[in-house]
Amino acid sequence: NFPSIPELFIYSNRDFYLPSTYLEREVLEPRKKVGADFTAVRFKGSPHVAHLRYFKEEYRREVLSFINVNKNVKSVREKLQKREHDEDHKKDRKGYLDDSFQPKFL
């Protein structure tokens, strides 16, 4: 069960709290096996949550690229909310039949 929206993983080979081998084996590999939509960026040498400080330009480029590629992606929740809104809107049209059953007046 992975999110229905693209994910971005930014990590390094020098993270004390989350070893890159663990992240790759336990998080990324299962996603890859099922074809989940994710991007993984592995920096070399930066400690935990210090990637921006060590690799400012590369970090920004990767984050902005991810945002630009995925800016129009809608989550399953957003799609369901829109569908419910559309259905509620149809119900509000009292006295009207479904659009496919509307009579045509010539």
N, C-alpha and C. Protein backbone atom coordinates (compact mmCIF):
# COMPACT_ATOMS: atom_id res chain seq x y z
N ASN A 1 0.83 -1.19 0.00
CA ASN A 1 0.00 0.00 0.00
C ASN A 1 0.87 1.25 0.00
N PHE A 2 0.99 1.84 -1.14
CA PHE A 2 1.80 3.05 -1.27
C PHE A 2 0.89 4.21 -1.66
N PRO A 3 1.32 5.42 -1.38
CA PRO A 3 0.48 6.58 -1.74
C PRO A 3 0.14 6.60 -3.22
N SER A 4 -1.00 7.19 -3.51
CA SER A 4 -1.45 7.26 -4.90
C SER A 4 -0.89 8.48 -5.61
N ILE A 5 0.00 9.18 -4.96
CA ILE A 5 0.64 10.35 -5.57
C ILE A 5 2.14 10.11 -5.60
N PRO A 6 2.85 10.76 -6.50
CA PRO A 6 4.30 10.57 -6.59
C PRO A 6 5.00 10.98 -5.28
N GLU A 7 6.06 10.26 -4.96
CA GLU A 7 6.85 10.53 -3.77
C GLU A 7 8.28 10.92 -4.17
N LEU A 8 8.88 11.75 -3.35
CA LEU A 8 10.27 12.15 -3.55
C LEU A 8 11.06 11.75 -2.32
N PHE A 9 12.09 10.94 -2.51
CA PHE A 9 12.98 10.53 -1.42
C PHE A 9 14.34 11.18 -1.65
N ILE A 10 14.77 11.95 -0.69
CA ILE A 10 16.08 12.60 -0.75
C ILE A 10 16.87 12.06 0.43
N TYR A 11 18.01 11.45 0.14
CA TYR A 11 18.81 10.82 1.19
C TYR A 11 20.27 10.82 0.80
N SER A 12 21.11 10.29 1.69
CA SER A 12 22.53 10.21 1.36
C SER A 12 23.14 8.93 1.92
N ASN A 13 24.34 8.69 1.48
CA ASN A 13 25.06 7.50 1.95
C ASN A 13 25.68 7.72 3.33
N ARG A 14 25.54 8.91 3.92
CA ARG A 14 26.13 9.20 5.23
C ARG A 14 25.10 9.55 6.28
N ASP A 15 23.88 9.10 6.11
CA ASP A 15 22.84 9.38 7.09
C ASP A 15 22.98 8.42 8.26
N PHE A 16 23.24 8.96 9.43
CA PHE A 16 23.42 8.14 10.63
C PHE A 16 22.10 7.53 11.09
N TYR A 17 21.01 8.26 10.95
CA TYR A 17 19.71 7.81 11.46
C TYR A 17 18.97 6.87 10.52
N LEU A 18 19.17 7.03 9.25
CA LEU A 18 18.50 6.18 8.27
C LEU A 18 19.52 5.75 7.22
N PRO A 19 20.15 4.62 7.41
CA PRO A 19 21.16 4.16 6.44
C PRO A 19 20.58 4.01 5.04
N SER A 20 21.34 4.43 4.08
CA SER A 20 20.87 4.37 2.69
C SER A 20 20.55 2.94 2.26
N THR A 21 21.30 1.98 2.73
CA THR A 21 21.04 0.58 2.36
C THR A 21 19.68 0.13 2.87
N TYR A 22 19.31 0.58 4.07
CA TYR A 22 18.00 0.23 4.63
C TYR A 22 16.89 0.88 3.79
N LEU A 23 17.03 2.17 3.52
CA LEU A 23 16.02 2.89 2.73
C LEU A 23 15.85 2.23 1.36
N GLU A 24 16.94 1.91 0.72
CA GLU A 24 16.88 1.31 -0.62
C GLU A 24 16.24 -0.07 -0.58
N ARG A 25 16.60 -0.87 0.42
CA ARG A 25 16.08 -2.24 0.51
C ARG A 25 14.63 -2.29 1.00
N GLU A 26 14.30 -1.53 2.04
CA GLU A 26 13.00 -1.66 2.69
C GLU A 26 11.93 -0.68 2.19
N VAL A 27 12.35 0.40 1.57
CA VAL A 27 11.38 1.42 1.13
C VAL A 27 11.33 1.53 -0.39
N LEU A 28 12.47 1.70 -1.01
CA LEU A 28 12.49 1.93 -2.46
C LEU A 28 12.26 0.65 -3.27
N GLU A 29 12.92 -0.43 -2.88
CA GLU A 29 12.80 -1.67 -3.66
C GLU A 29 11.36 -2.18 -3.73
N PRO A 30 10.61 -2.22 -2.63
CA PRO A 30 9.20 -2.65 -2.73
C PRO A 30 8.37 -1.75 -3.65
N ARG A 31 8.64 -0.46 -3.63
CA ARG A 31 7.93 0.45 -4.52
C ARG A 31 8.27 0.16 -5.97
N LYS A 32 9.53 -0.11 -6.21
CA LYS A 32 9.96 -0.41 -7.57
C LYS A 32 9.29 -1.68 -8.08
N LYS A 33 9.15 -2.68 -7.22
CA LYS A 33 8.56 -3.96 -7.62
C LYS A 33 7.10 -3.82 -8.06
N VAL A 34 6.35 -2.92 -7.44
CA VAL A 34 4.94 -2.77 -7.80
C VAL A 34 4.70 -1.61 -8.76
N GLY A 35 5.75 -0.95 -9.17
CA GLY A 35 5.61 0.15 -10.13
C GLY A 35 5.08 1.43 -9.53
N ALA A 36 5.30 1.65 -8.23
CA ALA A 36 4.85 2.89 -7.59
C ALA A 36 5.60 4.08 -8.18
N ASP A 37 4.96 5.21 -8.18
CA ASP A 37 5.53 6.42 -8.76
C ASP A 37 6.35 7.15 -7.71
N PHE A 38 7.67 7.09 -7.83
CA PHE A 38 8.53 7.77 -6.89
C PHE A 38 9.83 8.21 -7.58
N THR A 39 10.48 9.17 -6.95
CA THR A 39 11.79 9.63 -7.39
C THR A 39 12.71 9.53 -6.19
N ALA A 40 13.88 8.98 -6.38
CA ALA A 40 14.86 8.87 -5.30
C ALA A 40 16.13 9.60 -5.71
N VAL A 41 16.60 10.47 -4.82
CA VAL A 41 17.83 11.23 -5.07
C VAL A 41 18.79 10.90 -3.93
N ARG A 42 19.91 10.29 -4.29
CA ARG A 42 20.92 9.91 -3.28
C ARG A 42 22.13 10.82 -3.40
N PHE A 43 22.35 11.60 -2.36
CA PHE A 43 23.53 12.46 -2.30
C PHE A 43 24.68 11.70 -1.66
N LYS A 44 25.88 12.15 -1.97
CA LYS A 44 27.07 11.48 -1.45
C LYS A 44 27.75 12.39 -0.43
N GLY A 45 27.77 11.93 0.82
CA GLY A 45 28.56 12.62 1.84
C GLY A 45 27.82 13.55 2.78
N SER A 46 26.58 13.86 2.52
CA SER A 46 25.87 14.80 3.41
C SER A 46 25.23 14.03 4.57
N PRO A 47 25.33 14.58 5.78
CA PRO A 47 24.70 13.93 6.93
C PRO A 47 23.18 14.12 6.93
N HIS A 48 22.53 13.50 7.89
CA HIS A 48 21.07 13.52 8.02
C HIS A 48 20.51 14.94 7.92
N VAL A 49 19.53 15.13 7.05
CA VAL A 49 18.83 16.39 6.77
C VAL A 49 19.75 17.58 6.50
N ALA A 50 20.93 17.34 5.96
CA ALA A 50 21.85 18.44 5.65
C ALA A 50 22.14 18.52 4.15
N HIS A 51 21.33 17.90 3.36
CA HIS A 51 21.59 17.84 1.91
C HIS A 51 21.52 19.23 1.28
N LEU A 52 20.57 20.04 1.69
CA LEU A 52 20.45 21.39 1.15
C LEU A 52 21.70 22.21 1.47
N ARG A 53 22.18 22.07 2.67
CA ARG A 53 23.37 22.83 3.09
C ARG A 53 24.61 22.40 2.31
N TYR A 54 24.74 21.12 2.03
CA TYR A 54 25.93 20.61 1.35
C TYR A 54 25.83 20.70 -0.17
N PHE A 55 24.64 20.56 -0.71
CA PHE A 55 24.43 20.51 -2.16
C PHE A 55 23.29 21.44 -2.57
N LYS A 56 23.44 22.71 -2.29
CA LYS A 56 22.35 23.68 -2.46
C LYS A 56 21.75 23.66 -3.87
N GLU A 57 22.54 23.80 -4.88
CA GLU A 57 22.03 23.87 -6.26
C GLU A 57 21.40 22.56 -6.70
N GLU A 58 22.08 21.45 -6.46
CA GLU A 58 21.55 20.15 -6.87
C GLU A 58 20.24 19.84 -6.14
N TYR A 59 20.20 20.14 -4.85
CA TYR A 59 19.00 19.89 -4.06
C TYR A 59 17.82 20.68 -4.61
N ARG A 60 18.03 21.96 -4.81
CA ARG A 60 16.96 22.80 -5.35
C ARG A 60 16.51 22.33 -6.72
N ARG A 61 17.45 21.98 -7.55
CA ARG A 61 17.12 21.51 -8.90
C ARG A 61 16.25 20.25 -8.84
N GLU A 62 16.62 19.31 -7.99
CA GLU A 62 15.86 18.07 -7.87
C GLU A 62 14.45 18.31 -7.33
N VAL A 63 14.33 19.14 -6.31
CA VAL A 63 13.02 19.42 -5.73
C VAL A 63 12.13 20.15 -6.73
N LEU A 64 12.67 21.18 -7.37
CA LEU A 64 11.88 21.93 -8.35
C LEU A 64 11.49 21.06 -9.55
N SER A 65 12.40 20.20 -9.97
CA SER A 65 12.09 19.30 -11.08
C SER A 65 10.95 18.37 -10.70
N PHE A 66 10.99 17.81 -9.49
CA PHE A 66 9.93 16.93 -9.02
C PHE A 66 8.60 17.66 -8.98
N ILE A 67 8.61 18.88 -8.47
CA ILE A 67 7.38 19.67 -8.39
C ILE A 67 6.84 19.97 -9.79
N ASN A 68 7.72 20.36 -10.69
CA ASN A 68 7.27 20.70 -12.05
C ASN A 68 6.70 19.49 -12.79
N VAL A 69 7.32 18.35 -12.62
CA VAL A 69 6.85 17.14 -13.29
C VAL A 69 5.50 16.69 -12.73
N ASN A 70 5.29 16.90 -11.43
CA ASN A 70 4.11 16.35 -10.76
C ASN A 70 3.07 17.39 -10.34
N LYS A 71 3.19 18.60 -10.81
CA LYS A 71 2.31 19.66 -10.33
C LYS A 71 0.84 19.46 -10.67
N ASN A 72 0.53 18.70 -11.68
CA ASN A 72 -0.86 18.49 -12.07
C ASN A 72 -1.42 17.15 -11.60
N VAL A 73 -0.65 16.43 -10.82
CA VAL A 73 -1.10 15.13 -10.33
C VAL A 73 -2.10 15.34 -9.20
N LYS A 74 -3.20 14.62 -9.28
CA LYS A 74 -4.23 14.70 -8.24
C LYS A 74 -4.26 13.38 -7.48
N SER A 75 -4.42 13.47 -6.19
CA SER A 75 -4.49 12.27 -5.38
C SER A 75 -5.83 11.59 -5.58
N VAL A 76 -5.92 10.34 -5.17
CA VAL A 76 -7.17 9.61 -5.24
C VAL A 76 -8.23 10.33 -4.42
N ARG A 77 -7.85 10.87 -3.26
CA ARG A 77 -8.80 11.59 -2.42
C ARG A 77 -9.38 12.80 -3.17
N GLU A 78 -8.52 13.56 -3.86
CA GLU A 78 -9.01 14.72 -4.62
C GLU A 78 -9.97 14.28 -5.72
N LYS A 79 -9.65 13.19 -6.39
CA LYS A 79 -10.52 12.70 -7.46
C LYS A 79 -11.87 12.25 -6.90
N LEU A 80 -11.85 11.56 -5.75
CA LEU A 80 -13.11 11.13 -5.14
C LEU A 80 -13.93 12.32 -4.66
N GLN A 81 -13.27 13.32 -4.09
CA GLN A 81 -13.99 14.51 -3.64
C GLN A 81 -14.66 15.22 -4.82
N LYS A 82 -13.96 15.30 -5.95
CA LYS A 82 -14.54 15.93 -7.12
C LYS A 82 -15.74 15.13 -7.61
N ARG A 83 -15.60 13.82 -7.64
CA ARG A 83 -16.70 12.96 -8.09
C ARG A 83 -17.91 13.13 -7.18
N GLU A 84 -17.69 13.16 -5.85
CA GLU A 84 -18.79 13.35 -4.91
C GLU A 84 -19.44 14.73 -5.10
N HIS A 85 -18.60 15.73 -5.34
CA HIS A 85 -19.12 17.08 -5.56
C HIS A 85 -19.99 17.10 -6.81
N ASP A 86 -19.52 16.47 -7.87
CA ASP A 86 -20.28 16.42 -9.13
C ASP A 86 -21.61 15.69 -8.93
N GLU A 87 -21.59 14.59 -8.16
CA GLU A 87 -22.82 13.84 -7.90
C GLU A 87 -23.79 14.66 -7.06
N ASP A 88 -23.27 15.37 -6.06
CA ASP A 88 -24.11 16.23 -5.23
C ASP A 88 -24.73 17.34 -6.07
N HIS A 89 -23.96 17.86 -7.00
CA HIS A 89 -24.45 18.92 -7.88
C HIS A 89 -25.62 18.40 -8.73
N LYS A 90 -25.50 17.19 -9.23
CA LYS A 90 -26.59 16.60 -10.02
C LYS A 90 -27.84 16.43 -9.16
N LYS A 91 -27.66 16.03 -7.90
CA LYS A 91 -28.81 15.85 -7.00
C LYS A 91 -29.50 17.17 -6.72
N ASP A 92 -28.73 18.25 -6.69
CA ASP A 92 -29.29 19.57 -6.41
C ASP A 92 -30.18 20.07 -7.55
N ARG A 93 -30.05 19.49 -8.71
CA ARG A 93 -30.85 19.91 -9.87
C ARG A 93 -32.20 19.20 -9.80
N LYS A 94 -33.02 19.55 -8.81
CA LYS A 94 -34.31 18.90 -8.57
C LYS A 94 -35.18 18.92 -9.81
N GLY A 95 -35.81 17.80 -10.03
CA GLY A 95 -36.74 17.73 -11.14
C GLY A 95 -36.06 17.40 -12.47
N TYR A 96 -34.76 17.35 -12.47
CA TYR A 96 -34.05 17.05 -13.71
C TYR A 96 -33.62 15.59 -13.71
N LEU A 97 -33.68 14.99 -14.85
CA LEU A 97 -33.19 13.64 -15.02
C LEU A 97 -31.69 13.69 -15.30
N ASP A 98 -31.09 12.57 -15.22
CA ASP A 98 -29.68 12.48 -15.58
C ASP A 98 -29.50 13.04 -16.98
N ASP A 99 -28.41 13.70 -17.24
CA ASP A 99 -28.16 14.36 -18.54
C ASP A 99 -28.43 13.44 -19.73
N SER A 100 -28.12 12.16 -19.56
CA SER A 100 -28.28 11.25 -20.70
C SER A 100 -29.77 10.99 -21.00
N PHE A 101 -30.66 11.34 -20.07
CA PHE A 101 -32.09 11.10 -20.27
C PHE A 101 -32.87 12.41 -20.50
N GLN A 102 -32.18 13.50 -20.66
CA GLN A 102 -32.87 14.78 -20.89
C GLN A 102 -33.54 14.75 -22.26
N PRO A 103 -34.79 15.14 -22.29
CA PRO A 103 -35.48 15.20 -23.59
C PRO A 103 -34.92 16.32 -24.43
N LYS A 104 -34.99 16.13 -25.72
CA LYS A 104 -34.55 17.18 -26.64
C LYS A 104 -35.78 17.87 -27.20
N PHE A 105 -35.84 19.14 -27.06
CA PHE A 105 -36.98 19.91 -27.60
C PHE A 105 -36.55 20.47 -28.95
N LEU A 106 -37.31 20.17 -29.93
CA LEU A 106 -36.98 20.62 -31.28
C LEU A 106 -37.86 21.79 -31.68
